[in-house]
Protein backbone atom coordinates (compact mmCIF):
# COMPACT_ATOMS: atom_id res chain seq x y z
CA SER A 1 -35.22 91.83 93.62
CA GLU A 2 -36.78 88.98 91.67
CA TYR A 3 -36.39 87.97 88.04
CA TYR A 4 -39.51 87.23 86.01
CA GLN A 5 -39.68 85.65 82.58
CA TYR A 6 -42.68 85.22 80.30
CA ASN A 7 -42.88 82.92 77.29
CA ASP A 8 -45.74 83.63 74.89
CA GLU A 9 -46.64 80.15 73.70
CA GLN A 10 -49.83 81.26 71.93
CA SER A 11 -48.24 83.61 69.40
CA ASN A 12 -48.77 82.98 65.70
CA PRO A 13 -45.62 82.38 63.67
CA GLY A 14 -44.63 85.19 61.32
CA THR A 15 -46.55 87.84 63.29
CA MET A 16 -44.89 90.78 65.04
CA TYR A 17 -46.29 91.51 68.51
CA GLU A 18 -45.97 94.57 70.72
CA TYR A 19 -45.78 93.75 74.43
CA GLN A 20 -46.51 96.16 77.27
CA ILE A 21 -44.70 95.67 80.55
CA PHE A 22 -45.61 97.46 83.75
CA GLY A 23 -45.50 96.86 87.48
CA VAL A 24 -48.38 97.15 89.90
CA THR A 25 -48.52 97.10 93.67
CA ASN A 26 -51.14 97.76 96.29
CA CYS A 27 -50.67 100.45 98.90
CA ALA A 28 -53.45 101.12 101.39
CA ASP A 29 -55.94 99.45 99.08
CA VAL A 30 -54.84 101.67 96.20
CA SER A 31 -53.27 100.15 93.09
CA ILE A 32 -50.10 101.92 92.04
CA TYR A 33 -48.70 101.39 88.54
CA THR A 34 -45.25 101.98 87.16
CA ASP A 35 -44.64 103.60 83.80
CA THR A 36 -45.28 101.22 80.90
CA LEU A 37 -42.39 99.81 78.91
CA TYR A 38 -42.85 98.55 75.37
CA THR A 39 -41.00 95.82 73.54
CA TYR A 40 -41.47 93.70 70.44
CA GLY A 41 -41.42 89.97 69.92
CA PHE A 42 -41.99 87.48 67.12
CA ARG A 43 -41.68 83.80 66.40
CA THR A 44 -40.04 82.56 63.21
CA PRO A 45 -40.65 78.81 63.10
CA THR A 46 -38.72 76.96 60.43
CA GLY A 47 -38.44 73.46 59.08
CA ASP A 48 -35.70 71.50 57.32
CA ILE A 49 -36.13 69.58 54.07
CA TYR A 50 -33.99 66.54 53.22
CA GLY A 51 -34.05 64.40 50.10
CA GLN A 52 -32.12 62.60 47.39
CA VAL A 53 -31.98 62.87 43.61
CA THR A 54 -31.17 59.73 41.60
CA PHE A 55 -31.61 58.24 38.15
CA GLN A 56 -34.29 55.59 37.70
CA THR A 57 -31.52 53.02 38.10
CA GLY A 58 -30.79 54.38 41.56
CA GLN A 59 -27.51 56.05 40.57
CA ALA A 60 -27.01 59.30 42.47
CA GLU A 61 -27.01 62.62 40.60
CA GLU A 62 -24.55 65.25 41.88
CA ASN A 63 -24.71 69.07 41.61
CA VAL A 64 -28.47 69.26 41.10
CA GLU A 65 -29.90 72.57 42.33
CA VAL A 66 -33.03 71.89 44.36
CA ARG A 67 -35.21 74.94 44.81
CA MET A 68 -38.35 75.52 46.88
CA GLU A 69 -41.28 77.64 45.74
CA SER A 70 -44.59 78.48 47.35
CA ASP A 71 -47.85 79.64 45.82
CA GLU A 72 -47.78 82.32 48.51
CA GLY A 73 -44.44 83.54 47.16
CA ILE A 74 -41.33 84.29 49.18
CA SER A 75 -42.23 87.13 51.50
CA GLY A 76 -39.65 89.48 52.91
CA LYS A 77 -38.58 93.06 53.39
CA SER A 78 -35.54 95.23 52.83
CA LEU A 79 -34.41 98.63 54.07
CA VAL A 80 -35.11 101.40 51.58
CA PHE A 81 -33.02 104.57 51.95
CA ASN A 82 -33.67 108.02 50.51
CA GLY A 83 -30.06 109.23 50.46
CA SER A 84 -30.19 111.23 53.68
CA GLN A 85 -30.72 108.48 56.28
CA ALA A 86 -28.60 105.76 57.85
CA ALA A 87 -29.46 102.80 60.05
CA THR A 88 -27.15 102.17 63.00
CA ILE A 89 -26.02 99.13 64.99
CA ASN A 90 -26.56 99.43 68.73
CA LYS A 91 -23.30 97.86 69.93
CA ILE A 92 -20.51 100.32 69.23
CA SER A 93 -18.02 97.54 70.03
CA PHE A 94 -19.25 95.49 67.04
CA LEU A 95 -16.21 94.40 64.93
CA GLU A 96 -13.81 96.19 67.30
CA ASN A 97 -11.77 93.02 67.81
CA ASN A 98 -12.07 91.70 64.24
CA THR A 99 -8.82 93.12 62.91
CA THR A 100 -7.34 90.22 60.93
CA SER A 101 -10.14 89.14 58.61
CA VAL A 102 -13.75 89.89 57.71
CA THR A 103 -16.37 89.24 55.03
CA ILE A 104 -19.25 91.66 54.39
CA GLN A 105 -22.12 90.84 52.02
CA ALA A 106 -25.34 92.47 50.85
CA TRP A 107 -27.99 92.46 48.15
CA VAL A 108 -28.51 96.02 46.89
CA SER A 109 -30.82 97.82 44.49
CA PRO A 110 -29.37 101.33 44.12
CA ASP A 111 -31.51 104.15 42.75
CA ASN A 112 -28.44 106.34 42.32
CA THR A 113 -24.84 105.16 41.79
CA SER A 114 -23.13 108.53 41.47
CA GLY A 115 -20.89 109.85 44.24
CA ILE A 116 -20.11 107.88 47.41
CA ARG A 117 -22.93 105.58 48.53
CA LYS A 118 -22.06 103.55 51.61
CA ILE A 119 -23.68 100.14 52.05
CA PHE A 120 -21.84 99.19 55.26
CA SER A 121 -19.41 101.31 57.25
CA LYS A 122 -17.34 100.81 60.39
CA PRO A 123 -15.33 104.06 60.23
CA GLY A 124 -11.59 103.50 60.44
CA MET A 125 -11.91 99.75 59.90
CA TYR A 126 -14.16 98.50 57.08
CA GLU A 127 -16.38 99.99 54.41
CA LEU A 128 -18.37 98.50 51.53
CA GLY A 129 -20.06 100.81 49.08
CA ILE A 130 -20.45 102.41 45.67
CA ALA A 131 -18.20 105.12 44.23
CA ASP A 132 -19.41 106.64 40.95
CA ASN A 133 -20.99 103.43 39.64
CA TYR A 134 -18.24 101.07 40.90
CA PHE A 135 -18.28 98.88 43.99
CA TYR A 136 -15.45 99.44 46.45
CA PHE A 137 -14.30 97.75 49.64
CA SER A 138 -11.93 99.26 52.22
CA ALA A 139 -9.92 97.77 55.08
CA GLY A 140 -8.23 100.49 57.08
CA ASN A 141 -6.63 102.91 54.62
CA GLN A 142 -6.47 100.46 51.71
CA THR A 143 -9.27 100.24 49.15
CA ILE A 144 -10.07 97.96 46.25
CA THR A 145 -12.36 99.27 43.50
CA ALA A 146 -14.20 97.01 41.09
CA SER A 147 -13.04 97.04 37.47
CA GLN A 148 -16.55 96.90 35.98
CA THR A 149 -19.38 99.37 36.41
CA ILE A 150 -22.41 98.32 38.41
CA ASP A 151 -24.73 99.08 35.49
CA SER A 152 -22.87 96.58 33.29
CA GLN A 153 -23.44 93.78 35.83
CA PHE A 154 -27.15 94.14 36.53
CA ALA A 155 -28.17 91.97 33.57
CA GLY A 156 -31.72 93.33 33.64
CA ALA A 157 -32.29 92.58 37.35
CA ASP A 158 -33.28 95.10 40.01
CA PHE A 159 -30.90 93.71 42.64
CA ILE A 160 -27.21 92.85 42.56
CA HIS A 161 -25.12 91.04 45.19
CA VAL A 162 -21.75 92.27 46.42
CA THR A 163 -19.21 90.70 48.77
CA GLY A 164 -16.09 92.31 50.23
CA VAL A 165 -13.42 90.03 51.75
CA PHE A 166 -10.37 90.98 53.83
CA SER A 167 -8.02 88.06 54.49
CA SER A 168 -5.11 89.85 56.24
CA ASP A 169 -2.97 89.86 53.09
CA SER A 170 -5.59 90.42 50.35
CA LEU A 171 -8.75 92.30 49.48
CA PHE A 172 -11.41 90.78 47.22
CA ILE A 173 -14.65 91.88 45.60
CA TYR A 174 -17.25 89.37 44.44
CA VAL A 175 -20.30 90.32 42.38
CA ASN A 176 -23.21 87.90 42.09
CA GLY A 177 -21.08 85.13 43.59
CA GLU A 178 -18.10 85.53 41.24
CA ARG A 179 -14.73 87.02 42.13
CA THR A 180 -14.20 90.09 39.98
CA ASP A 181 -11.26 91.86 41.60
CA SER A 182 -8.42 91.26 44.07
CA ILE A 183 -5.34 93.11 45.34
CA ALA A 184 -2.59 92.40 47.85
CA CYS A 185 -3.16 94.09 51.20
CA SER A 186 -0.51 94.97 53.79
CA GLU A 187 -2.84 97.05 55.93
CA VAL A 188 -2.74 96.64 59.72
CA ILE A 189 -6.24 97.22 61.06
CA THR A 190 -6.66 98.97 64.40
CA GLY A 191 -9.88 98.22 66.23
CA ASN A 192 -12.13 101.03 67.40
CA ALA A 193 -15.54 101.68 68.93
CA ASN A 194 -16.96 103.70 66.04
CA GLN A 195 -20.59 102.88 65.40
CA VAL A 196 -21.48 100.75 62.38
CA THR A 197 -23.89 102.35 59.92
CA LEU A 198 -25.89 100.89 57.04
CA GLY A 199 -26.91 102.93 54.01
CA GLN A 200 -25.17 106.23 54.69
CA ASN A 201 -25.86 108.50 51.69
CA PHE A 202 -27.38 105.47 49.95
CA ALA A 203 -30.50 105.77 47.81
CA GLY A 204 -32.30 102.50 47.15
CA ALA A 205 -32.80 99.13 48.84
CA ILE A 206 -30.36 97.06 50.93
CA ASP A 207 -31.21 93.49 51.92
CA GLU A 208 -29.67 90.33 53.42
CA VAL A 209 -26.61 91.91 55.05
CA ARG A 210 -24.22 89.29 56.43
CA VAL A 211 -20.99 89.88 58.37
CA TRP A 212 -18.47 87.11 59.04
CA ASP A 213 -15.40 87.09 61.26
CA ARG A 214 -13.42 85.12 58.69
CA PRO A 215 -12.67 85.32 54.95
CA LEU A 216 -15.22 83.24 53.10
CA THR A 217 -13.81 81.09 50.31
CA ALA A 218 -14.82 81.50 46.68
CA LYS A 219 -16.69 78.20 46.91
CA GLU A 220 -18.66 79.29 49.98
CA ILE A 221 -19.63 82.61 48.41
CA ALA A 222 -20.74 81.00 45.13
CA ARG A 223 -22.74 78.37 47.03
CA ASP A 224 -24.56 80.60 49.50
CA TYR A 225 -24.90 84.14 48.13
CA ASN A 226 -28.18 83.31 46.35
CA ARG A 227 -29.84 81.26 49.07
CA TYR A 228 -31.11 82.04 52.53
CA ILE A 229 -28.99 80.80 55.42
CA THR A 230 -29.92 79.61 58.91
CA GLY A 231 -28.00 82.21 60.95
CA GLY A 232 -25.89 79.60 62.74
CA GLU A 233 -23.17 79.16 60.11
CA SER A 234 -19.54 79.07 61.22
CA GLY A 235 -18.06 82.53 61.63
CA LEU A 236 -21.31 84.44 61.06
CA ILE A 237 -21.46 87.30 63.55
CA ALA A 238 -24.34 89.39 62.14
CA TYR A 239 -27.24 88.53 59.85
CA TRP A 240 -29.81 91.23 59.10
CA ASP A 241 -32.58 90.13 56.74
CA PHE A 242 -34.93 92.97 57.84
CA ASN A 243 -38.03 90.79 57.50
CA TYR A 244 -39.16 91.44 61.07
CA ALA A 245 -38.07 95.03 61.56
CA ALA A 246 -40.31 96.99 63.92
CA ASP A 247 -41.17 100.69 63.68
CA THR A 248 -37.79 101.75 65.00
CA GLU A 249 -35.64 98.61 65.25
CA PHE A 250 -34.29 95.71 63.23
CA TYR A 251 -32.85 92.46 64.50
CA ASP A 252 -29.79 90.28 64.10
CA ARG A 253 -30.67 86.65 63.35
CA SER A 254 -27.15 85.23 63.73
CA TYR A 255 -26.33 82.88 66.58
CA LYS A 256 -23.65 80.54 67.86
CA ASN A 257 -24.75 77.32 69.53
CA SER A 258 -27.82 78.36 71.52
CA SER A 259 -26.92 82.05 72.01
CA TYR A 260 -27.91 84.84 69.63
CA ASN A 261 -25.30 87.49 68.82
CA GLU A 262 -27.89 90.26 69.29
CA ASN A 263 -26.24 92.87 67.09
CA HIS A 264 -29.55 94.66 66.68
CA GLY A 265 -29.97 98.11 65.16
CA GLN A 266 -32.01 101.30 64.88
CA LEU A 267 -33.84 102.31 61.70
CA ASN A 268 -33.62 106.06 62.34
CA GLY A 269 -36.53 106.69 59.99
CA VAL A 270 -35.38 104.31 57.23
CA ALA A 271 -38.31 102.65 55.45
CA ASN A 272 -38.90 98.88 55.64
CA TYR A 273 -40.58 97.75 52.41
CA THR A 274 -41.30 94.54 50.48
CA ARG A 275 -38.70 95.40 47.85
CA ILE A 276 -36.54 92.28 47.71
CA PRO A 277 -34.57 90.15 45.23
CA THR A 278 -36.58 87.78 43.06
CA ASN A 279 -36.88 84.11 43.99
CA GLU A 280 -34.50 83.32 41.12
CA GLN A 281 -31.90 85.61 42.65
CA LEU A 282 -32.36 84.63 46.29
CA GLY A 283 -34.35 81.67 47.54
CA TYR A 284 -34.47 78.50 49.60
CA LYS A 285 -32.14 76.14 47.78
CA GLY A 286 -29.91 73.12 48.19
CA VAL A 287 -27.37 71.34 45.99
CA THR A 288 -26.97 67.56 45.83
CA GLY A 289 -23.73 65.95 46.94
CA ALA A 290 -21.94 62.92 45.53
CA ASP A 291 -24.60 60.60 46.98
CA GLY A 292 -27.44 62.68 45.49
CA SER A 293 -28.60 63.91 48.88
CA TYR A 294 -29.53 67.52 49.63
CA SER A 295 -30.80 69.61 52.50
CA ILE A 296 -32.65 72.91 52.59
CA ARG A 297 -32.60 74.33 56.07
CA ALA A 298 -34.45 77.03 58.00
CA VAL A 299 -37.44 77.15 55.64
CA PRO A 300 -40.06 79.44 57.23
CA TYR A 301 -43.74 78.79 57.53
CA THR A 302 -46.68 80.79 58.84
CA GLY A 303 -49.83 79.87 60.73
CA ASN A 304 -50.52 76.13 60.59
CA GLY A 305 -48.03 75.60 57.79
CA THR A 306 -46.98 76.67 54.30
CA THR A 307 -47.03 74.45 51.22
CA TYR A 308 -43.87 74.39 49.10
CA THR A 309 -43.06 72.79 45.76
CA ILE A 310 -39.64 71.12 45.36
CA ILE A 311 -38.05 71.89 41.98
CA PRO A 312 -34.78 70.12 40.96
CA ARG A 313 -32.78 71.63 38.11
CA LEU A 314 -29.68 70.50 36.21
CA GLY A 315 -29.23 71.48 32.58
CA ILE A 316 -31.71 69.68 30.31
CA HIS A 317 -32.43 66.85 32.76
CA GLN A 318 -36.04 66.18 33.70
CA PHE A 319 -37.07 64.98 37.14
CA GLU A 320 -40.07 63.11 38.50
CA PRO A 321 -40.96 62.72 42.21
CA GLN A 322 -40.97 59.21 43.68
């Protein structure tokens, strides 16, 4: 047998393509075709932005938030559930060996917060969800429940961000980047091959689901929950942004070195809509360091390019480009 590989170098960035694959041979001057296989492909070109913020005297300005905006807006999609569906991850071994620590994050816009609404579930190991208007996070048989209702933390926004952290001796819940609850945890997690589901019994939108094989620190969560990431961050083992979901599938954008983790999933009838957090809630951002420098990585563009505006922000300070 021979191995064939095709690279589509003419594809437009940001466009989803359906590819048909079939074999053909000639037998007695008759062309014989195999059954056709179908697959999807897309190209997501990105660029990196680097810069520095200083006073007119040249003195560096630290902790300036630098945000990018486009006249085209920030496009994206989420998964929208009706309460009777659930998306599934193809690899049943996903998380099976992650028994000592994990971090699970998601932006959610629930239409109903009564009862049990699961955001992420690996039965017998980890679960992040909503129980009667409170976030909860479980590791094994131990569960932490948030002390404040979800409704009280929306602050007029449609989406809210939740993080669950298991660090082998503690469980934490973070809401909108801030730690709200913590308990000691003595649970010993046993790995299993139960399939991971997203959105079981959930009604509403789920977006930007990230799974890490380590406990993120409070600083990391506060820094990154409201900005897009590259997919190659340390410890990231699944990153589903749902922007390029096909009719039946969605794709994992996380990678390590040059290899993608490929924890892809099946939609199982779940809708894929442009219902996403606002640019104020989630965007392409950087923060200046002690030398005033910043970087904004993995900024997407479409076609021949996308024009962005760089907007620095720090209290009442005013900024002018040089």
